[in-house]
C-alpha atoms as a PDB file:
ATOM      1  CA  MET A   1     128.545 111.320 157.043  1.00  0.00           C
ATOM      2  CA  LYS A   2     130.771 113.499 154.854  1.00  0.00           C
ATOM      3  CA  PHE A   3     130.855 112.711 151.173  1.00  0.00           C
ATOM      4  CA  ASP A   4     133.468 110.155 150.213  1.00  0.00           C
ATOM      5  CA  LEU A   5     133.415 108.184 146.988  1.00  0.00           C
ATOM      6  CA  ARG A   6     134.539 105.101 148.893  1.00  0.00           C
ATOM      7  CA  HIS A   7     131.387 104.906 151.078  1.00  0.00           C
ATOM      8  CA  ARG A   8     129.502 102.927 148.433  1.00  0.00           C
ATOM      9  CA  THR A   9     131.458  99.794 149.363  1.00  0.00           C
ATOM     10  CA  ARG A  10     129.656  99.720 152.709  1.00  0.00           C
ATOM     11  CA  PHE A  11     126.201  99.225 151.220  1.00  0.00           C
ATOM     12  CA  PRO A  12     126.512  95.522 150.322  1.00  0.00           C
ATOM     13  CA  VAL A  13     127.924  94.819 153.784  1.00  0.00           C
ATOM     14  CA  ILE A  14     124.997  96.573 155.464  1.00  0.00           C
ATOM     15  CA  PHE A  15     122.550  94.666 153.260  1.00  0.00           C
ATOM     16  CA  ALA A  16     124.276  91.380 154.141  1.00  0.00           C
ATOM     17  CA  VAL A  17     123.879  92.235 157.844  1.00  0.00           C
ATOM     18  CA  GLY A  18     120.181  92.811 157.187  1.00  0.00           C
ATOM     19  CA  CYS A  19     119.889  89.406 155.548  1.00  0.00           C
ATOM     20  CA  VAL A  20     121.590  87.772 158.537  1.00  0.00           C
ATOM     21  CA  VAL A  21     119.167  89.577 160.855  1.00  0.00           C
ATOM     22  CA  ALA A  22     116.286  88.289 158.740  1.00  0.00           C
ATOM     23  CA  LEU A  23     117.601  84.722 159.022  1.00  0.00           C
ATOM     24  CA  LEU A  24     117.987  85.116 162.777  1.00  0.00           C
ATOM     25  CA  VAL A  25     114.428  86.399 163.013  1.00  0.00           C
ATOM     26  CA  PHE A  26     113.262  83.398 161.024  1.00  0.00           C
ATOM     27  CA  PHE A  27     115.011  80.878 163.264  1.00  0.00           C
ATOM     28  CA  VAL A  28     114.837  82.651 166.646  1.00  0.00           C
ATOM     29  CA  LEU A  29     111.099  83.247 166.736  1.00  0.00           C
ATOM     30  CA  PRO A  30     109.820  79.649 166.971  1.00  0.00           C
ATOM     31  CA  PHE A  31     106.592  80.764 168.672  1.00  0.00           C
ATOM     32  CA  LEU A  32     105.449  82.231 165.354  1.00  0.00           C
ATOM     33  CA  SER A  33     104.096  80.082 162.591  1.00  0.00           C
ATOM     34  CA  PHE A  34     106.233  79.376 159.533  1.00  0.00           C
ATOM     35  CA  ALA A  35     104.180  81.844 157.476  1.00  0.00           C
ATOM     36  CA  GLU A  36     104.520  84.575 160.136  1.00  0.00           C
ATOM     37  CA  ARG A  37     108.294  84.041 160.434  1.00  0.00           C
ATOM     38  CA  LEU A  38     108.612  84.111 156.659  1.00  0.00           C
ATOM     39  CA  THR A  39     106.572  87.340 156.500  1.00  0.00           C
ATOM     40  CA  VAL A  40     108.685  89.014 159.208  1.00  0.00           C
ATOM     41  CA  SER A  41     111.927  87.853 157.577  1.00  0.00           C
ATOM     42  CA  ILE A  42     110.864  89.089 154.150  1.00  0.00           C
ATOM     43  CA  THR A  43     109.832  92.402 155.720  1.00  0.00           C
ATOM     44  CA  VAL A  44     113.260  92.761 157.362  1.00  0.00           C
ATOM     45  CA  VAL A  45     115.082  91.961 154.106  1.00  0.00           C
ATOM     46  CA  THR A  46     112.818  94.365 152.202  1.00  0.00           C
ATOM     47  CA  ALA A  47     113.394  97.115 154.770  1.00  0.00           C
ATOM     48  CA  PHE A  48     117.170  96.707 154.596  1.00  0.00           C
ATOM     49  CA  GLY A  49     117.022  96.492 150.795  1.00  0.00           C
ATOM     50  CA  GLY A  50     114.920  99.659 150.629  1.00  0.00           C
ATOM     51  CA  ALA A  51     117.262 101.497 152.993  1.00  0.00           C
ATOM     52  CA  MET A  52     120.288 100.394 150.969  1.00  0.00           C
ATOM     53  CA  GLY A  53     118.556 101.409 147.734  1.00  0.00           C
ATOM     54  CA  PHE A  54     117.854 104.827 149.188  1.00  0.00           C
ATOM     55  CA  LEU A  55     121.444 105.235 150.442  1.00  0.00           C
ATOM     56  CA  TYR A  56     122.867 104.070 147.131  1.00  0.00           C
ATOM     57  CA  ALA A  57     120.619 106.487 145.193  1.00  0.00           C
ATOM     58  CA  GLU A  58     121.667 109.287 147.550  1.00  0.00           C
ATOM     59  CA  HIS A  59     125.318 108.356 147.055  1.00  0.00           C
ATOM     60  CA  THR A  60     124.814 108.305 143.280  1.00  0.00           C
ATOM     61  CA  GLN A  61     123.341 111.820 143.403  1.00  0.00           C
ATOM     62  CA  GLU A  62     126.231 113.023 145.570  1.00  0.00           C
ATOM     63  CA  THR A  63     128.674 111.448 143.121  1.00  0.00           C
ATOM     64  CA  GLN A  64     126.998 113.232 140.213  1.00  0.00           C
ATOM     65  CA  LEU A  65     127.145 116.536 142.103  1.00  0.00           C
ATOM     66  CA  PHE A  66     130.810 115.914 142.880  1.00  0.00           C
ATOM     67  CA  ARG A  67     131.542 115.186 139.196  1.00  0.00           C
ATOM     68  CA  GLU A  68     129.787 118.378 138.101  1.00  0.00           C
ATOM     69  CA  LEU A  69     131.614 120.470 140.682  1.00  0.00           C
ATOM     70  CA  PHE A  70     134.938 118.783 139.906  1.00  0.00           C
ATOM     71  CA  ARG A  71     134.550 119.469 136.196  1.00  0.00           C
ATOM     72  CA  GLU A  72     133.394 123.052 136.731  1.00  0.00           C
ATOM     73  CA  PHE A  73     136.167 123.919 139.180  1.00  0.00           C
ATOM     74  CA  ASN A  74     138.827 122.326 137.002  1.00  0.00           C
ATOM     75  CA  ALA A  75     137.514 124.058 133.877  1.00  0.00           C
ATOM     76  CA  ARG A  76     137.534 127.409 135.649  1.00  0.00           C
ATOM     77  CA  TYR A  77     141.009 126.747 136.999  1.00  0.00           C
ATOM     78  CA  ASP A  78     142.207 125.741 133.522  1.00  0.00           C
ATOM     79  CA  THR A  79     141.194 129.158 132.183  1.00  0.00           C
ATOM     80  CA  LEU A  80     143.307 130.808 134.893  1.00  0.00           C
ATOM     81  CA  ASN A  81     146.192 128.345 135.016  1.00  0.00           C
ATOM     82  CA  ASN A  82     148.572 129.848 132.440  1.00  0.00           C
ATOM     83  CA  GLU A  83     148.182 133.350 133.815  1.00  0.00           C
ATOM     84  CA  LEU A  84     148.548 132.110 137.402  1.00  0.00           C
ATOM     85  CA  ILE A  85     151.771 130.297 136.498  1.00  0.00           C
ATOM     86  CA  GLU A  86     153.074 133.433 134.760  1.00  0.00           C
ATOM     87  CA  ILE A  87     152.278 135.501 137.834  1.00  0.00           C
ATOM     88  CA  ARG A  88     153.831 132.960 140.178  1.00  0.00           C
ATOM     89  CA  ASN A  89     156.975 132.585 138.027  1.00  0.00           C
ATOM     90  CA  ARG A  90     157.607 136.299 137.485  1.00  0.00           C
ATOM     91  CA  PRO A  91     161.102 137.437 138.438  1.00  0.00           C
ATOM     92  CA  GLU A  92     161.662 137.779 142.166  1.00  0.00           C
ATOM     93  CA  GLY A  93     160.953 141.289 143.377  1.00  0.00           C
ATOM     94  CA  GLN A  94     158.835 142.167 140.338  1.00  0.00           C
ATOM     95  CA  ALA A  95     155.597 143.764 141.501  1.00  0.00           C
ATOM     96  CA  LEU A  96     152.218 142.440 140.528  1.00  0.00           C
ATOM     97  CA  ARG A  97     150.758 144.154 137.470  1.00  0.00           C
ATOM     98  CA  ASP A  98     147.268 145.633 137.454  1.00  0.00           C
ATOM     99  CA  ALA A  99     146.075 142.785 135.198  1.00  0.00           C
ATOM    100  CA  ASP A 100     147.353 140.250 137.753  1.00  0.00           C
ATOM    101  CA  TYR A 101     144.908 141.481 140.397  1.00  0.00           C
ATOM    102  CA  GLY A 102     141.851 140.379 138.422  1.00  0.00           C
ATOM    103  CA  VAL A 103     143.306 136.946 137.701  1.00  0.00           C
ATOM    104  CA  LEU A 104     144.296 136.451 141.324  1.00  0.00           C
ATOM    105  CA  CYS A 105     140.909 137.614 142.643  1.00  0.00           C
ATOM    106  CA  ASP A 106     139.206 135.172 140.272  1.00  0.00           C
ATOM    107  CA  TYR A 107     141.456 132.449 141.689  1.00  0.00           C
ATOM    108  CA  PHE A 108     140.729 133.497 145.285  1.00  0.00           C
ATOM    109  CA  ASN A 109     136.998 133.333 144.551  1.00  0.00           C
ATOM    110  CA  LEU A 110     137.403 129.901 143.021  1.00  0.00           C
ATOM    111  CA  CYS A 111     139.286 128.703 146.092  1.00  0.00           C
ATOM    112  CA  ALA A 112     136.598 130.092 148.384  1.00  0.00           C
ATOM    113  CA  GLU A 113     133.871 128.353 146.393  1.00  0.00           C
ATOM    114  CA  GLU A 114     135.766 125.057 146.487  1.00  0.00           C
ATOM    115  CA  HIS A 115     136.102 125.583 150.247  1.00  0.00           C
ATOM    116  CA  ILE A 116     132.341 126.045 150.629  1.00  0.00           C
ATOM    117  CA  TYR A 117     131.595 122.794 148.848  1.00  0.00           C
ATOM    118  CA  ALA A 118     134.358 120.962 150.708  1.00  0.00           C
ATOM    119  CA  THR A 119     133.021 122.060 154.096  1.00  0.00           C
ATOM    120  CA  ALA A 120     129.516 121.075 152.995  1.00  0.00           C
ATOM    121  CA  GLY A 121     130.842 117.571 152.309  1.00  0.00           C
ATOM    122  CA  CYS A 122     130.335 117.701 148.529  1.00  0.00           C
ATOM    123  CA  ILE A 123     134.014 117.475 147.624  1.00  0.00           C
ATOM    124  CA  ASP A 124     136.017 114.321 148.227  1.00  0.00           C
ATOM    125  CA  PRO A 125     138.596 115.055 150.965  1.00  0.00           C
ATOM    126  CA  ARG A 126     141.438 113.884 148.698  1.00  0.00           C
ATOM    127  CA  VAL A 127     140.447 116.431 146.065  1.00  0.00           C
ATOM    128  CA  TRP A 128     140.234 119.177 148.686  1.00  0.00           C
ATOM    129  CA  LEU A 129     143.706 118.275 149.970  1.00  0.00           C
ATOM    130  CA  ALA A 130     145.106 118.522 146.435  1.00  0.00           C
ATOM    131  CA  TRP A 131     143.386 121.901 146.025  1.00  0.00           C
ATOM    132  CA  GLN A 132     144.922 123.088 149.304  1.00  0.00           C
ATOM    133  CA  ASN A 133     148.363 122.032 148.083  1.00  0.00           C
ATOM    134  CA  GLY A 134     147.843 124.247 145.040  1.00  0.00           C
ATOM    135  CA  MET A 135     146.786 127.155 147.221  1.00  0.00           C
ATOM    136  CA  ARG A 136     149.900 126.694 149.367  1.00  0.00           C
ATOM    137  CA  TYR A 137     152.028 126.877 146.220  1.00  0.00           C
ATOM    138  CA  PHE A 138     150.601 130.267 145.267  1.00  0.00           C
ATOM    139  CA  ALA A 139     150.580 131.517 148.881  1.00  0.00           C
ATOM    140  CA  ARG A 140     154.366 130.985 149.080  1.00  0.00           C
ATOM    141  CA  ASP A 141     154.697 134.036 146.843  1.00  0.00           C
ATOM    142  CA  ALA A 142     154.905 136.985 149.270  1.00  0.00           C
ATOM    143  CA  GLU A 143     153.015 139.454 147.066  1.00  0.00           C
ATOM    144  CA  ILE A 144     150.257 136.983 146.219  1.00  0.00           C
ATOM    145  CA  LEU A 145     149.949 136.120 149.892  1.00  0.00           C
ATOM    146  CA  GLU A 146     149.762 139.787 150.866  1.00  0.00           C
ATOM    147  CA  LEU A 147     147.060 140.478 148.272  1.00  0.00           C
ATOM    148  CA  TRP A 148     145.158 137.387 149.426  1.00  0.00           C
ATOM    149  CA  LYS A 149     145.282 138.563 153.044  1.00  0.00           C
ATOM    150  CA  ARG A 150     144.047 142.028 152.065  1.00  0.00           C
ATOM    151  CA  GLU A 151     141.191 140.501 150.095  1.00  0.00           C
ATOM    152  CA  LEU A 152     140.225 138.234 152.999  1.00  0.00           C
ATOM    153  CA  GLU A 153     140.064 141.239 155.336  1.00  0.00           C
ATOM    154  CA  GLN A 154     137.028 142.355 153.339  1.00  0.00           C
ATOM    155  CA  ASP A 155     135.236 139.229 154.605  1.00  0.00           C
ATOM    156  CA  SER A 156     133.815 138.507 151.161  1.00  0.00           C
ATOM    157  CA  TYR A 157     135.137 134.976 150.710  1.00  0.00           C
ATOM    158  CA  TYR A 158     132.457 132.990 152.535  1.00  0.00           C
ATOM    159  CA  GLY A 159     134.456 132.340 155.695  1.00  0.00           C
ATOM    160  CA  PHE A 160     137.501 131.062 153.825  1.00  0.00           C
ATOM    161  CA  THR A 161     140.826 131.566 155.618  1.00  0.00           C
ATOM    162  CA  LEU A 162     144.429 130.935 154.717  1.00  0.00           C
ATOM    163  CA  ASP A 163     144.787 128.577 157.667  1.00  0.00           C
ATOM    164  CA  PHE A 164     144.826 125.533 155.413  1.00  0.00           C
ATOM    165  CA  SER A 165     144.831 123.137 158.359  1.00  0.00           C
ATOM    166  CA  ARG A 166     141.387 124.399 159.430  1.00  0.00           C
ATOM    167  CA  ASN A 167     139.712 124.634 156.042  1.00  0.00           C
ATOM    168  CA  ALA A 168     137.112 121.903 155.514  1.00  0.00           C
END
């Protein structure tokens, strides 16, 4: 199951199903004594509770990882943002400056890293979609796009491609 912050709402439902199963076990096994049915039912509820506890703890860890990645990626983007906007808003036909190459390569690396975590299921799909929209914005600049393509030909961006429909 890919990471999605909304998955946590399923856990109470799954636990409720486990409780219903435990009740069914209690009432459907009349050949067992009351104590045996109670033991089996409590075991079923405990098993479902333990499984839900494990899944919730796992989800909490994934959420913490997502928060850390989200903060890190946004902080790194924030350091590039003003320069990226300047590059993107330069007069039409104006060539990229030497200093622009470093900023853009840092951005390309950041995009590739975000892609890795998105394909690994650590980034919420809505966040990845927003990130892709930002990449599309910069890729609409012909010179940025050309540089990006040249950089990707070196195969040093972890399998990232500019085919945004296939990424993650």
